[in-house]
Amino acid sequence: MEIEKKPSSDNGYFYQPKSPFKRYWQVDLWKNLFSKLLNFNPGDDHIKLLQNLRESFQDYLCTNPQLIKKLKQLLAKQRTSLCSA
C-alpha cells in the first residue's frame, strides 16, 4: 500500500492511503482504521486505540449475521487449505 502525506487544517500533516477505497468496501470503517493507525500519536493510549478499532469492526460484523456466516465459511476453507499443505 502506498501512502501520501497531506497538509491538515492545523498546519500539520497527516498520512492516508494514496489509492481510493473500493466503493463496495465499508469506506468509513476502513478510512477510520487507516487514519488512526497511520497517524498515531506516540503520546496516545495505544491499547485504547486498538480496542476502539476492534469494537468498530465487531459492531459492523454483528449487525449482519450473513457476514458472520460468510467469515466462518472462509476461515474453515482457509484452515482446510493450510492443514492439507
C-alpha atoms as a PDB file:
ATOM      1  CA  MET A   1       0.000   0.000   0.000  1.00  0.00           C
ATOM      2  CA  GLU A   2       1.312   3.406  -0.917  1.00  0.00           C
ATOM      3  CA  ILE A   3       0.638   6.299   1.423  1.00  0.00           C
ATOM      4  CA  GLU A   4       0.818  10.052   0.956  1.00  0.00           C
ATOM      5  CA  LYS A   5       1.454  12.952   3.307  1.00  0.00           C
ATOM      6  CA  LYS A   6      -1.269  15.641   3.162  1.00  0.00           C
ATOM      7  CA  PRO A   7      -1.473  19.024   4.888  1.00  0.00           C
ATOM      8  CA  SER A   8      -4.057  19.269   7.668  1.00  0.00           C
ATOM      9  CA  SER A   9      -6.156  22.216   8.833  1.00  0.00           C
ATOM     10  CA  ASP A  10      -3.988  22.704  11.955  1.00  0.00           C
ATOM     11  CA  ASN A  11      -0.879  23.500   9.841  1.00  0.00           C
ATOM     12  CA  GLY A  12       0.408  19.993  10.426  1.00  0.00           C
ATOM     13  CA  TYR A  13       0.088  16.981   8.214  1.00  0.00           C
ATOM     14  CA  PHE A  14      -1.496  13.551   8.129  1.00  0.00           C
ATOM     15  CA  TYR A  15      -0.937  10.340   6.222  1.00  0.00           C
ATOM     16  CA  GLN A  16      -3.508   8.498   4.161  1.00  0.00           C
ATOM     17  CA  PRO A  17      -3.551   5.734   1.548  1.00  0.00           C
ATOM     18  CA  LYS A  18      -2.905   7.023  -1.980  1.00  0.00           C
ATOM     19  CA  SER A  19      -5.454   4.801  -3.671  1.00  0.00           C
ATOM     20  CA  PRO A  20      -9.153   5.350  -3.016  1.00  0.00           C
ATOM     21  CA  PHE A  21     -11.140   2.614  -1.325  1.00  0.00           C
ATOM     22  CA  LYS A  22     -13.370   0.431  -3.440  1.00  0.00           C
ATOM     23  CA  ARG A  23     -16.989   1.564  -3.425  1.00  0.00           C
ATOM     24  CA  TYR A  24     -18.269  -1.805  -2.160  1.00  0.00           C
ATOM     25  CA  TRP A  25     -15.996  -1.682   0.905  1.00  0.00           C
ATOM     26  CA  GLN A  26     -17.246  -0.193   4.119  1.00  0.00           C
ATOM     27  CA  VAL A  27     -15.354   3.005   3.343  1.00  0.00           C
ATOM     28  CA  ASP A  28     -15.922   4.779   6.678  1.00  0.00           C
ATOM     29  CA  LEU A  29     -14.750   1.735   8.602  1.00  0.00           C
ATOM     30  CA  TRP A  30     -11.533   1.365   6.592  1.00  0.00           C
ATOM     31  CA  LYS A  31     -10.815   5.113   6.436  1.00  0.00           C
ATOM     32  CA  ASN A  32     -11.054   5.263  10.217  1.00  0.00           C
ATOM     33  CA  LEU A  33      -8.736   2.267  10.633  1.00  0.00           C
ATOM     34  CA  PHE A  34      -6.004   3.588   8.351  1.00  0.00           C
ATOM     35  CA  SER A  35      -6.349   7.156   9.564  1.00  0.00           C
ATOM     36  CA  LYS A  36      -5.914   6.111  13.199  1.00  0.00           C
ATOM     37  CA  LEU A  37      -3.041   3.691  12.550  1.00  0.00           C
ATOM     38  CA  LEU A  38      -1.091   5.851  10.096  1.00  0.00           C
ATOM     39  CA  ASN A  39      -1.410   8.989  12.214  1.00  0.00           C
ATOM     40  CA  PHE A  40      -0.961   7.526  15.670  1.00  0.00           C
ATOM     41  CA  ASN A  41       0.443   9.941  18.243  1.00  0.00           C
ATOM     42  CA  PRO A  42       3.013   8.175  20.465  1.00  0.00           C
ATOM     43  CA  GLY A  43       1.612  10.041  23.478  1.00  0.00           C
ATOM     44  CA  ASP A  44      -1.838   8.480  22.999  1.00  0.00           C
ATOM     45  CA  ASP A  45      -3.045   5.284  24.646  1.00  0.00           C
ATOM     46  CA  HIS A  46      -2.381   2.590  22.034  1.00  0.00           C
ATOM     47  CA  ILE A  47      -4.354  -0.054  23.944  1.00  0.00           C
ATOM     48  CA  LYS A  48      -7.477   2.130  23.940  1.00  0.00           C
ATOM     49  CA  LEU A  49      -6.997   2.937  20.243  1.00  0.00           C
ATOM     50  CA  LEU A  50      -6.798  -0.745  19.309  1.00  0.00           C
ATOM     51  CA  GLN A  51      -9.791  -1.597  21.498  1.00  0.00           C
ATOM     52  CA  ASN A  52     -11.866   1.111  19.786  1.00  0.00           C
ATOM     53  CA  LEU A  53     -10.863  -0.095  16.326  1.00  0.00           C
ATOM     54  CA  ARG A  54     -11.680  -3.683  17.260  1.00  0.00           C
ATOM     55  CA  GLU A  55     -15.077  -2.636  18.622  1.00  0.00           C
ATOM     56  CA  SER A  56     -15.929  -0.747  15.433  1.00  0.00           C
ATOM     57  CA  PHE A  57     -15.237  -3.863  13.340  1.00  0.00           C
ATOM     58  CA  GLN A  58     -17.124  -6.096  15.777  1.00  0.00           C
ATOM     59  CA  ASP A  59     -20.116  -3.753  15.697  1.00  0.00           C
ATOM     60  CA  TYR A  60     -20.122  -3.843  11.911  1.00  0.00           C
ATOM     61  CA  LEU A  61     -19.903  -7.637  11.769  1.00  0.00           C
ATOM     62  CA  CYS A  62     -22.530  -8.163  14.456  1.00  0.00           C
ATOM     63  CA  THR A  63     -25.087  -6.015  12.649  1.00  0.00           C
ATOM     64  CA  ASN A  64     -25.237  -8.537   9.807  1.00  0.00           C
ATOM     65  CA  PRO A  65     -25.459 -12.271  10.621  1.00  0.00           C
ATOM     66  CA  GLN A  66     -24.707 -13.115   6.972  1.00  0.00           C
ATOM     67  CA  LEU A  67     -21.261 -11.577   7.388  1.00  0.00           C
ATOM     68  CA  ILE A  68     -20.525 -13.801  10.371  1.00  0.00           C
ATOM     69  CA  LYS A  69     -21.658 -16.882   8.455  1.00  0.00           C
ATOM     70  CA  LYS A  70     -19.509 -15.950   5.451  1.00  0.00           C
ATOM     71  CA  LEU A  71     -16.490 -15.260   7.668  1.00  0.00           C
ATOM     72  CA  LYS A  72     -16.841 -18.652   9.363  1.00  0.00           C
ATOM     73  CA  GLN A  73     -17.011 -20.348   5.952  1.00  0.00           C
ATOM     74  CA  LEU A  74     -13.894 -18.545   4.736  1.00  0.00           C
ATOM     75  CA  LEU A  75     -11.974 -19.389   7.913  1.00  0.00           C
ATOM     76  CA  ALA A  76     -12.942 -23.071   7.623  1.00  0.00           C
ATOM     77  CA  LYS A  77     -11.828 -23.073   3.991  1.00  0.00           C
ATOM     78  CA  GLN A  78      -8.521 -21.454   4.951  1.00  0.00           C
ATOM     79  CA  ARG A  79      -7.973 -23.955   7.789  1.00  0.00           C
ATOM     80  CA  THR A  80      -8.596 -26.861   5.403  1.00  0.00           C
ATOM     81  CA  SER A  81      -6.192 -25.378   2.865  1.00  0.00           C
ATOM     82  CA  LEU A  82      -3.447 -24.811   5.435  1.00  0.00           C
ATOM     83  CA  CYS A  83      -3.807 -28.246   7.012  1.00  0.00           C
ATOM     84  CA  SER A  84      -3.611 -30.050   3.671  1.00  0.00           C
ATOM     85  CA  ALA A  85      -0.393 -28.304   2.608  1.00  0.00           C
END
